[in-house]
Amino acid sequence: MDVLQISIAAMPFLLSLASRIGKAIAPCLLTSICTVLLGAEPHRAVMAWCVRMLIAAVALRERLRTS
């Protein structure tokens, strides 16, 4: 994997850090590691990335809604 692919894989994790919700950070970190490890199998890596984006987006939406 090159730098661009790793930065795209890490984007949802960084988004979950912005949400500052601990329950969202751990699953995003674990699926980020899975995405990097599954980089040779793109369809599985994309599925892990989509799940992680969903978790991070919901966490960020909840943070913005409460503030």
PDB file of N, CA and C in Angstrom:
ATOM      1  N   MET A   1       0.851  -1.183   0.000  1.00  0.00           N
ATOM      2  CA  MET A   1       0.000   0.000   0.000  1.00  0.00           C
ATOM      3  C   MET A   1       0.893   1.241   0.000  1.00  0.00           C
ATOM      4  N   ASP A   2       0.493   2.220  -0.771  1.00  0.00           N
ATOM      5  CA  ASP A   2       1.252   3.454  -0.795  1.00  0.00           C
ATOM      6  C   ASP A   2       0.638   4.464   0.187  1.00  0.00           C
ATOM      7  N   VAL A   3       1.225   5.624   0.248  1.00  0.00           N
ATOM      8  CA  VAL A   3       0.820   6.640   1.221  1.00  0.00           C
ATOM      9  C   VAL A   3      -0.618   7.098   0.994  1.00  0.00           C
ATOM     10  N   LEU A   4      -1.032   7.230  -0.251  1.00  0.00           N
ATOM     11  CA  LEU A   4      -2.392   7.670  -0.547  1.00  0.00           C
ATOM     12  C   LEU A   4      -3.422   6.659  -0.052  1.00  0.00           C
ATOM     13  N   GLN A   5      -3.170   5.389  -0.275  1.00  0.00           N
ATOM     14  CA  GLN A   5      -4.101   4.360   0.183  1.00  0.00           C
ATOM     15  C   GLN A   5      -4.164   4.305   1.697  1.00  0.00           C
ATOM     16  N   ILE A   6      -3.044   4.457   2.364  1.00  0.00           N
ATOM     17  CA  ILE A   6      -3.032   4.443   3.824  1.00  0.00           C
ATOM     18  C   ILE A   6      -3.749   5.670   4.375  1.00  0.00           C
ATOM     19  N   SER A   7      -3.587   6.828   3.736  1.00  0.00           N
ATOM     20  CA  SER A   7      -4.275   8.032   4.224  1.00  0.00           C
ATOM     21  C   SER A   7      -5.787   7.922   4.012  1.00  0.00           C
ATOM     22  N   ILE A   8      -6.212   7.315   2.917  1.00  0.00           N
ATOM     23  CA  ILE A   8      -7.640   7.091   2.711  1.00  0.00           C
ATOM     24  C   ILE A   8      -8.167   6.087   3.724  1.00  0.00           C
ATOM     25  N   ALA A   9      -7.378   5.064   4.035  1.00  0.00           N
ATOM     26  CA  ALA A   9      -7.788   4.069   5.023  1.00  0.00           C
ATOM     27  C   ALA A   9      -7.879   4.674   6.420  1.00  0.00           C
ATOM     28  N   ALA A  10      -7.059   5.673   6.711  1.00  0.00           N
ATOM     29  CA  ALA A  10      -7.050   6.280   8.039  1.00  0.00           C
ATOM     30  C   ALA A  10      -8.066   7.409   8.200  1.00  0.00           C
ATOM     31  N   MET A  11      -8.669   7.857   7.116  1.00  0.00           N
ATOM     32  CA  MET A  11      -9.608   8.986   7.176  1.00  0.00           C
ATOM     33  C   MET A  11     -10.761   8.772   8.161  1.00  0.00           C
ATOM     34  N   PRO A  12     -11.450   7.638   8.160  1.00  0.00           N
ATOM     35  CA  PRO A  12     -12.530   7.459   9.133  1.00  0.00           C
ATOM     36  C   PRO A  12     -12.039   7.439  10.577  1.00  0.00           C
ATOM     37  N   PHE A  13     -10.839   6.909  10.812  1.00  0.00           N
ATOM     38  CA  PHE A  13     -10.295   6.930  12.174  1.00  0.00           C
ATOM     39  C   PHE A  13     -10.064   8.354  12.639  1.00  0.00           C
ATOM     40  N   LEU A  14      -9.536   9.191  11.770  1.00  0.00           N
ATOM     41  CA  LEU A  14      -9.332  10.597  12.130  1.00  0.00           C
ATOM     42  C   LEU A  14     -10.659  11.309  12.345  1.00  0.00           C
ATOM     43  N   LEU A  15     -11.665  10.940  11.569  1.00  0.00           N
ATOM     44  CA  LEU A  15     -13.001  11.499  11.756  1.00  0.00           C
ATOM     45  C   LEU A  15     -13.586  11.087  13.099  1.00  0.00           C
ATOM     46  N   SER A  16     -13.329   9.846  13.509  1.00  0.00           N
ATOM     47  CA  SER A  16     -13.832   9.401  14.813  1.00  0.00           C
ATOM     48  C   SER A  16     -13.091  10.092  15.952  1.00  0.00           C
ATOM     49  N   LEU A  17     -11.826  10.443  15.732  1.00  0.00           N
ATOM     50  CA  LEU A  17     -11.105  11.212  16.751  1.00  0.00           C
ATOM     51  C   LEU A  17     -11.722  12.598  16.913  1.00  0.00           C
ATOM     52  N   ALA A  18     -12.219  13.164  15.833  1.00  0.00           N
ATOM     53  CA  ALA A  18     -12.863  14.475  15.902  1.00  0.00           C
ATOM     54  C   ALA A  18     -14.173  14.399  16.658  1.00  0.00           C
ATOM     55  N   SER A  19     -14.807  13.237  16.658  1.00  0.00           N
ATOM     56  CA  SER A  19     -16.077  13.110  17.369  1.00  0.00           C
ATOM     57  C   SER A  19     -15.876  13.038  18.878  1.00  0.00           C
ATOM     58  N   ARG A  20     -14.684  12.639  19.302  1.00  0.00           N
ATOM     59  CA  ARG A  20     -14.323  12.553  20.721  1.00  0.00           C
ATOM     60  C   ARG A  20     -15.244  11.628  21.509  1.00  0.00           C
ATOM     61  N   ILE A  21     -15.727  10.601  20.876  1.00  0.00           N
ATOM     62  CA  ILE A  21     -16.547   9.595  21.552  1.00  0.00           C
ATOM     63  C   ILE A  21     -15.712   8.323  21.602  1.00  0.00           C
ATOM     64  N   GLY A  22     -15.373   7.899  22.819  1.00  0.00           N
ATOM     65  CA  GLY A  22     -14.495   6.752  22.988  1.00  0.00           C
ATOM     66  C   GLY A  22     -15.040   5.461  22.411  1.00  0.00           C
ATOM     67  N   LYS A  23     -16.360   5.331  22.412  1.00  0.00           N
ATOM     68  CA  LYS A  23     -16.962   4.106  21.892  1.00  0.00           C
ATOM     69  C   LYS A  23     -16.818   4.008  20.381  1.00  0.00           C
ATOM     70  N   ALA A  24     -16.573   5.087  19.695  1.00  0.00           N
ATOM     71  CA  ALA A  24     -16.407   5.063  18.241  1.00  0.00           C
ATOM     72  C   ALA A  24     -14.945   4.948  17.838  1.00  0.00           C
ATOM     73  N   ILE A  25     -14.049   5.376  18.688  1.00  0.00           N
ATOM     74  CA  ILE A  25     -12.639   5.385  18.335  1.00  0.00           C
ATOM     75  C   ILE A  25     -12.070   3.973  18.250  1.00  0.00           C
ATOM     76  N   ALA A  26     -12.396   3.130  19.208  1.00  0.00           N
ATOM     77  CA  ALA A  26     -11.841   1.767  19.224  1.00  0.00           C
ATOM     78  C   ALA A  26     -12.270   0.936  18.012  1.00  0.00           C
ATOM     79  N   PRO A  27     -13.564   0.871  17.659  1.00  0.00           N
ATOM     80  CA  PRO A  27     -13.916   0.092  16.461  1.00  0.00           C
ATOM     81  C   PRO A  27     -13.314   0.656  15.184  1.00  0.00           C
ATOM     82  N   CYS A  28     -13.197   1.967  15.102  1.00  0.00           N
ATOM     83  CA  CYS A  28     -12.594   2.561  13.908  1.00  0.00           C
ATOM     84  C   CYS A  28     -11.115   2.227  13.807  1.00  0.00           C
ATOM     85  N   LEU A  29     -10.440   2.181  14.933  1.00  0.00           N
ATOM     86  CA  LEU A  29      -9.027   1.808  14.921  1.00  0.00           C
ATOM     87  C   LEU A  29      -8.868   0.350  14.509  1.00  0.00           C
ATOM     88  N   LEU A  30      -9.694  -0.531  15.042  1.00  0.00           N
ATOM     89  CA  LEU A  30      -9.594  -1.952  14.697  1.00  0.00           C
ATOM     90  C   LEU A  30      -9.912  -2.199  13.231  1.00  0.00           C
ATOM     91  N   THR A  31     -10.937  -1.555  12.706  1.00  0.00           N
ATOM     92  CA  THR A  31     -11.250  -1.765  11.300  1.00  0.00           C
ATOM     93  C   THR A  31     -10.225  -1.084  10.393  1.00  0.00           C
ATOM     94  N   SER A  32      -9.559  -0.049  10.896  1.00  0.00           N
ATOM     95  CA  SER A  32      -8.478   0.567  10.134  1.00  0.00           C
ATOM     96  C   SER A  32      -7.326  -0.414   9.965  1.00  0.00           C
ATOM     97  N   ILE A  33      -7.003  -1.110  11.015  1.00  0.00           N
ATOM     98  CA  ILE A  33      -5.950  -2.127  10.935  1.00  0.00           C
ATOM     99  C   ILE A  33      -6.376  -3.238   9.987  1.00  0.00           C
ATOM    100  N   CYS A  34      -7.641  -3.652  10.061  1.00  0.00           N
ATOM    101  CA  CYS A  34      -8.146  -4.694   9.157  1.00  0.00           C
ATOM    102  C   CYS A  34      -8.096  -4.240   7.703  1.00  0.00           C
ATOM    103  N   THR A  35      -8.408  -2.988   7.438  1.00  0.00           N
ATOM    104  CA  THR A  35      -8.365  -2.475   6.074  1.00  0.00           C
ATOM    105  C   THR A  35      -6.954  -2.528   5.507  1.00  0.00           C
ATOM    106  N   VAL A  36      -5.976  -2.155   6.314  1.00  0.00           N
ATOM    107  CA  VAL A  36      -4.590  -2.193   5.862  1.00  0.00           C
ATOM    108  C   VAL A  36      -4.150  -3.646   5.638  1.00  0.00           C
ATOM    109  N   LEU A  37      -4.558  -4.540   6.531  1.00  0.00           N
ATOM    110  CA  LEU A  37      -4.174  -5.940   6.374  1.00  0.00           C
ATOM    111  C   LEU A  37      -4.868  -6.603   5.189  1.00  0.00           C
ATOM    112  N   LEU A  38      -6.095  -6.173   4.873  1.00  0.00           N
ATOM    113  CA  LEU A  38      -6.844  -6.747   3.764  1.00  0.00           C
ATOM    114  C   LEU A  38      -6.625  -5.987   2.463  1.00  0.00           C
ATOM    115  N   GLY A  39      -5.592  -5.184   2.397  1.00  0.00           N
ATOM    116  CA  GLY A  39      -5.326  -4.376   1.215  1.00  0.00           C
ATOM    117  C   GLY A  39      -5.141  -5.189  -0.053  1.00  0.00           C
ATOM    118  N   ALA A  40      -4.730  -6.449   0.084  1.00  0.00           N
ATOM    119  CA  ALA A  40      -4.552  -7.294  -1.094  1.00  0.00           C
ATOM    120  C   ALA A  40      -5.887  -7.764  -1.651  1.00  0.00           C
ATOM    121  N   GLU A  41      -6.931  -7.749  -0.823  1.00  0.00           N
ATOM    122  CA  GLU A  41      -8.275  -8.147  -1.252  1.00  0.00           C
ATOM    123  C   GLU A  41      -9.169  -6.906  -1.213  1.00  0.00           C
ATOM    124  N   PRO A  42      -9.251  -6.160  -2.314  1.00  0.00           N
ATOM    125  CA  PRO A  42      -9.924  -4.855  -2.311  1.00  0.00           C
ATOM    126  C   PRO A  42     -11.399  -4.889  -1.897  1.00  0.00           C
ATOM    127  N   HIS A  43     -12.154  -5.919  -2.285  1.00  0.00           N
ATOM    128  CA  HIS A  43     -13.569  -5.919  -1.945  1.00  0.00           C
ATOM    129  C   HIS A  43     -13.788  -6.048  -0.440  1.00  0.00           C
ATOM    130  N   ARG A  44     -12.952  -6.785   0.244  1.00  0.00           N
ATOM    131  CA  ARG A  44     -13.068  -6.883   1.708  1.00  0.00           C
ATOM    132  C   ARG A  44     -12.583  -5.612   2.386  1.00  0.00           C
ATOM    133  N   ALA A  45     -11.544  -5.004   1.855  1.00  0.00           N
ATOM    134  CA  ALA A  45     -11.027  -3.763   2.424  1.00  0.00           C
ATOM    135  C   ALA A  45     -12.043  -2.634   2.277  1.00  0.00           C
ATOM    136  N   VAL A  46     -12.738  -2.592   1.144  1.00  0.00           N
ATOM    137  CA  VAL A  46     -13.751  -1.552   0.936  1.00  0.00           C
ATOM    138  C   VAL A  46     -14.917  -1.745   1.893  1.00  0.00           C
ATOM    139  N   MET A  47     -15.292  -2.975   2.141  1.00  0.00           N
ATOM    140  CA  MET A  47     -16.396  -3.228   3.060  1.00  0.00           C
ATOM    141  C   MET A  47     -16.036  -2.790   4.482  1.00  0.00           C
ATOM    142  N   ALA A  48     -14.827  -3.083   4.931  1.00  0.00           N
ATOM    143  CA  ALA A  48     -14.381  -2.643   6.259  1.00  0.00           C
ATOM    144  C   ALA A  48     -14.314  -1.120   6.321  1.00  0.00           C
ATOM    145  N   TRP A  49     -13.873  -0.481   5.220  1.00  0.00           N
ATOM    146  CA  TRP A  49     -13.789   0.977   5.190  1.00  0.00           C
ATOM    147  C   TRP A  49     -15.178   1.603   5.271  1.00  0.00           C
ATOM    148  N   CYS A  50     -16.154   1.031   4.572  1.00  0.00           N
ATOM    149  CA  CYS A  50     -17.524   1.571   4.589  1.00  0.00           C
ATOM    150  C   CYS A  50     -18.155   1.448   5.971  1.00  0.00           C
ATOM    151  N   VAL A  51     -17.930   0.323   6.637  1.00  0.00           N
ATOM    152  CA  VAL A  51     -18.460   0.155   7.999  1.00  0.00           C
ATOM    153  C   VAL A  51     -17.837   1.182   8.925  1.00  0.00           C
ATOM    154  N   ARG A  52     -16.564   1.378   8.777  1.00  0.00           N
ATOM    155  CA  ARG A  52     -15.872   2.345   9.637  1.00  0.00           C
ATOM    156  C   ARG A  52     -16.339   3.766   9.368  1.00  0.00           C
ATOM    157  N   MET A  53     -16.560   4.118   8.101  1.00  0.00           N
ATOM    158  CA  MET A  53     -17.069   5.453   7.779  1.00  0.00           C
ATOM    159  C   MET A  53     -18.450   5.671   8.384  1.00  0.00           C
ATOM    160  N   LEU A  54     -19.274   4.646   8.369  1.00  0.00           N
ATOM    161  CA  LEU A  54     -20.604   4.746   8.953  1.00  0.00           C
ATOM    162  C   LEU A  54     -20.524   4.992  10.456  1.00  0.00           C
ATOM    163  N   ILE A  55     -19.678   4.246  11.147  1.00  0.00           N
ATOM    164  CA  ILE A  55     -19.503   4.425  12.593  1.00  0.00           C
ATOM    165  C   ILE A  55     -19.003   5.834  12.899  1.00  0.00           C
ATOM    166  N   ALA A  56     -18.003   6.299  12.168  1.00  0.00           N
ATOM    167  CA  ALA A  56     -17.423   7.619  12.411  1.00  0.00           C
ATOM    168  C   ALA A  56     -18.410   8.730  12.085  1.00  0.00           C
ATOM    169  N   ALA A  57     -19.191   8.578  11.032  1.00  0.00           N
ATOM    170  CA  ALA A  57     -20.156   9.613  10.663  1.00  0.00           C
ATOM    171  C   ALA A  57     -21.265   9.735  11.702  1.00  0.00           C
ATOM    172  N   VAL A  58     -21.742   8.614  12.201  1.00  0.00           N
ATOM    173  CA  VAL A  58     -22.782   8.652  13.227  1.00  0.00           C
ATOM    174  C   VAL A  58     -22.246   9.270  14.509  1.00  0.00           C
ATOM    175  N   ALA A  59     -21.015   8.922  14.886  1.00  0.00           N
ATOM    176  CA  ALA A  59     -20.412   9.491  16.094  1.00  0.00           C
ATOM    177  C   ALA A  59     -20.225  10.998  15.961  1.00  0.00           C
ATOM    178  N   LEU A  60     -19.779  11.451  14.802  1.00  0.00           N
ATOM    179  CA  LEU A  60     -19.594  12.887  14.603  1.00  0.00           C
ATOM    180  C   LEU A  60     -20.930  13.617  14.577  1.00  0.00           C
ATOM    181  N   ARG A  61     -21.936  13.011  13.964  1.00  0.00           N
ATOM    182  CA  ARG A  61     -23.270  13.622  13.933  1.00  0.00           C
ATOM    183  C   ARG A  61     -23.841  13.767  15.346  1.00  0.00           C
ATOM    184  N   GLU A  62     -23.640  12.758  16.186  1.00  0.00           N
ATOM    185  CA  GLU A  62     -24.121  12.828  17.566  1.00  0.00           C
ATOM    186  C   GLU A  62     -23.384  13.899  18.355  1.00  0.00           C
ATOM    187  N   ARG A  63     -22.086  14.060  18.108  1.00  0.00           N
ATOM    188  CA  ARG A  63     -21.337  15.103  18.805  1.00  0.00           C
ATOM    189  C   ARG A  63     -21.829  16.481  18.397  1.00  0.00           C
ATOM    190  N   LEU A  64     -22.068  16.685  17.102  1.00  0.00           N
ATOM    191  CA  LEU A  64     -22.542  17.974  16.629  1.00  0.00           C
ATOM    192  C   LEU A  64     -23.961  18.260  17.099  1.00  0.00           C
ATOM    193  N   ARG A  65     -24.765  17.215  17.212  1.00  0.00           N
ATOM    194  CA  ARG A  65     -26.148  17.385  17.652  1.00  0.00           C
ATOM    195  C   ARG A  65     -26.227  17.780  19.123  1.00  0.00           C
ATOM    196  N   THR A  66     -25.333  17.253  19.970  1.00  0.00           N
ATOM    197  CA  THR A  66     -25.389  17.545  21.390  1.00  0.00           C
ATOM    198  C   THR A  66     -24.748  18.892  21.735  1.00  0.00           C
ATOM    199  N   SER A  67     -23.913  19.414  20.850  1.00  0.00           N
ATOM    200  CA  SER A  67     -23.268  20.700  21.180  1.00  0.00           C
ATOM    201  C   SER A  67     -23.938  21.866  20.535  1.00  0.00           C
TER     202      SER A  67
END
